[in-house]
Amino acid sequence: MADYCYVKVHRQGEDVLVAVCDEELLDKKINVSTLVIHVSKEFYGGERIPIKMIWDFMKDATIVNAIGNAVVSELAERIPAVHYAAVNLGGIPHVQLLLK
C-alpha cells in the first residue's frame, strides 16, 4: 500500500469536491477497453500528503472522487459503503461519493 497520495480541493458554489489519488497514479493513463482515464495533475495534483491525512480534507467535502488501491482502502475503513460503490478500472478501484 502506498504511503502517500495527492489531494486537491475544488470549490464551486456550495460544493466542495475533494479529488484524491494514489501517489504513483498521478499523471498516468489507465486503459480500460476503449476507455482511457487520465489521472491528471490539473484535477488530482494538489498536495502530496500521507494517506492517513485525507480525513483532514473530508470535513467540508460534499463530493469525493478517489482513485487507487490505497486511497479507496483508506476511505473504506471509515465508510464501509465504499466497497460497494467502487468500480474496477483496469485493476484500479475508483469511487465517487456524494456527501451531505
Protein backbone atom coordinates (compact mmCIF):
# COMPACT_ATOMS: atom_id res chain seq x y z
CA MET A 1 0.00 0.00 0.00
CA ALA A 2 1.30 3.45 -0.88
CA ASP A 3 2.26 5.76 1.97
CA TYR A 4 1.42 8.99 0.14
CA CYS A 5 -1.31 10.33 -2.08
CA TYR A 6 -2.23 13.54 -3.84
CA VAL A 7 -5.27 15.55 -2.85
CA LYS A 8 -6.79 18.64 -4.42
CA VAL A 9 -9.85 20.58 -3.30
CA HIS A 10 -12.12 22.13 -5.92
CA ARG A 11 -14.79 24.64 -4.86
CA GLN A 12 -17.81 25.54 -6.99
CA GLY A 13 -20.60 27.43 -5.29
CA GLU A 14 -21.58 25.43 -2.22
CA ASP A 15 -19.94 22.23 -3.47
CA VAL A 16 -16.53 21.16 -2.22
CA LEU A 17 -15.07 18.38 -4.36
CA VAL A 18 -12.09 16.52 -2.93
CA ALA A 19 -10.06 14.69 -5.59
CA VAL A 20 -7.59 12.15 -4.23
CA CYS A 21 -5.34 9.59 -5.92
CA ASP A 22 -2.55 7.20 -5.01
CA GLU A 23 0.83 8.87 -5.44
CA GLU A 24 2.02 6.56 -8.23
CA LEU A 25 -1.11 7.18 -10.33
CA LEU A 26 -0.69 10.94 -10.74
CA ASP A 27 -0.38 11.87 -14.41
CA LYS A 28 -0.82 8.24 -15.51
CA LYS A 29 -3.30 6.91 -18.07
CA ILE A 30 -5.44 3.88 -17.30
CA ASN A 31 -6.70 1.92 -20.30
CA VAL A 32 -9.98 0.08 -19.85
CA SER A 33 -11.07 -1.46 -23.14
CA THR A 34 -11.61 1.56 -25.42
CA LEU A 35 -11.79 3.99 -22.48
CA VAL A 36 -8.71 5.95 -21.38
CA ILE A 37 -8.76 7.60 -17.96
CA HIS A 38 -6.12 10.23 -17.30
CA VAL A 39 -5.33 10.83 -13.63
CA SER A 40 -4.39 14.41 -14.41
CA LYS A 41 -2.24 16.79 -12.40
CA GLU A 42 -4.81 19.51 -13.03
CA PHE A 43 -7.59 17.58 -11.27
CA TYR A 44 -5.76 15.45 -8.67
CA GLY A 45 -2.35 17.10 -8.32
CA GLY A 46 -2.71 19.32 -5.32
CA GLU A 47 -0.81 18.49 -2.16
CA ARG A 48 1.27 15.36 -1.61
CA ILE A 49 0.23 14.06 1.80
CA PRO A 50 0.40 10.90 3.91
CA ILE A 51 -2.66 8.75 3.14
CA LYS A 52 -4.00 8.94 6.70
CA MET A 53 -4.28 12.74 6.32
CA ILE A 54 -7.03 12.54 3.68
CA TRP A 55 -9.55 12.78 6.53
CA ASP A 56 -8.42 16.34 7.22
CA PHE A 57 -9.71 17.23 3.74
CA MET A 58 -13.00 15.32 4.04
CA LYS A 59 -14.52 17.54 6.75
CA ASP A 60 -16.11 20.00 4.31
CA ALA A 61 -16.36 17.69 1.29
CA THR A 62 -19.70 17.40 -0.49
CA ILE A 63 -18.23 15.25 -3.28
CA VAL A 64 -15.26 12.86 -3.21
CA ASN A 65 -13.53 11.49 -6.29
CA ALA A 66 -10.92 8.88 -5.34
CA ILE A 67 -8.79 6.54 -7.43
CA GLY A 68 -6.20 3.99 -6.34
CA ASN A 69 -5.93 0.96 -4.09
CA ALA A 70 -4.53 2.82 -1.10
CA VAL A 71 -6.90 5.79 -1.03
CA VAL A 72 -10.02 3.72 -1.72
CA SER A 73 -8.98 1.27 1.03
CA GLU A 74 -8.46 4.16 3.43
CA LEU A 75 -11.91 5.56 2.63
CA ALA A 76 -13.48 2.12 3.07
CA GLU A 77 -12.10 1.87 6.61
CA ARG A 78 -14.48 4.61 7.80
CA ILE A 79 -17.14 4.49 5.07
CA PRO A 80 -18.00 0.80 4.51
CA ALA A 81 -20.28 1.59 1.54
CA VAL A 82 -17.14 2.44 -0.45
CA HIS A 83 -16.63 -1.30 -1.01
CA TYR A 84 -19.95 -1.45 -2.86
CA ALA A 85 -19.67 1.89 -4.66
CA ALA A 86 -16.16 1.44 -6.09
CA VAL A 87 -15.72 0.36 -9.70
CA ASN A 88 -12.74 -1.52 -11.08
CA LEU A 89 -10.87 0.36 -13.81
CA GLY A 90 -8.27 -1.99 -15.20
CA GLY A 91 -7.50 -3.37 -11.74
CA ILE A 92 -7.58 0.04 -10.05
CA PRO A 93 -10.54 0.96 -7.83
CA HIS A 94 -12.33 4.28 -8.38
CA VAL A 95 -15.16 5.73 -6.32
CA GLN A 96 -17.27 8.86 -6.39
CA LEU A 97 -19.18 9.79 -3.27
CA LEU A 98 -21.85 12.42 -2.69
CA LEU A 99 -21.78 13.56 0.92
CA LYS A 100 -24.03 15.97 2.86
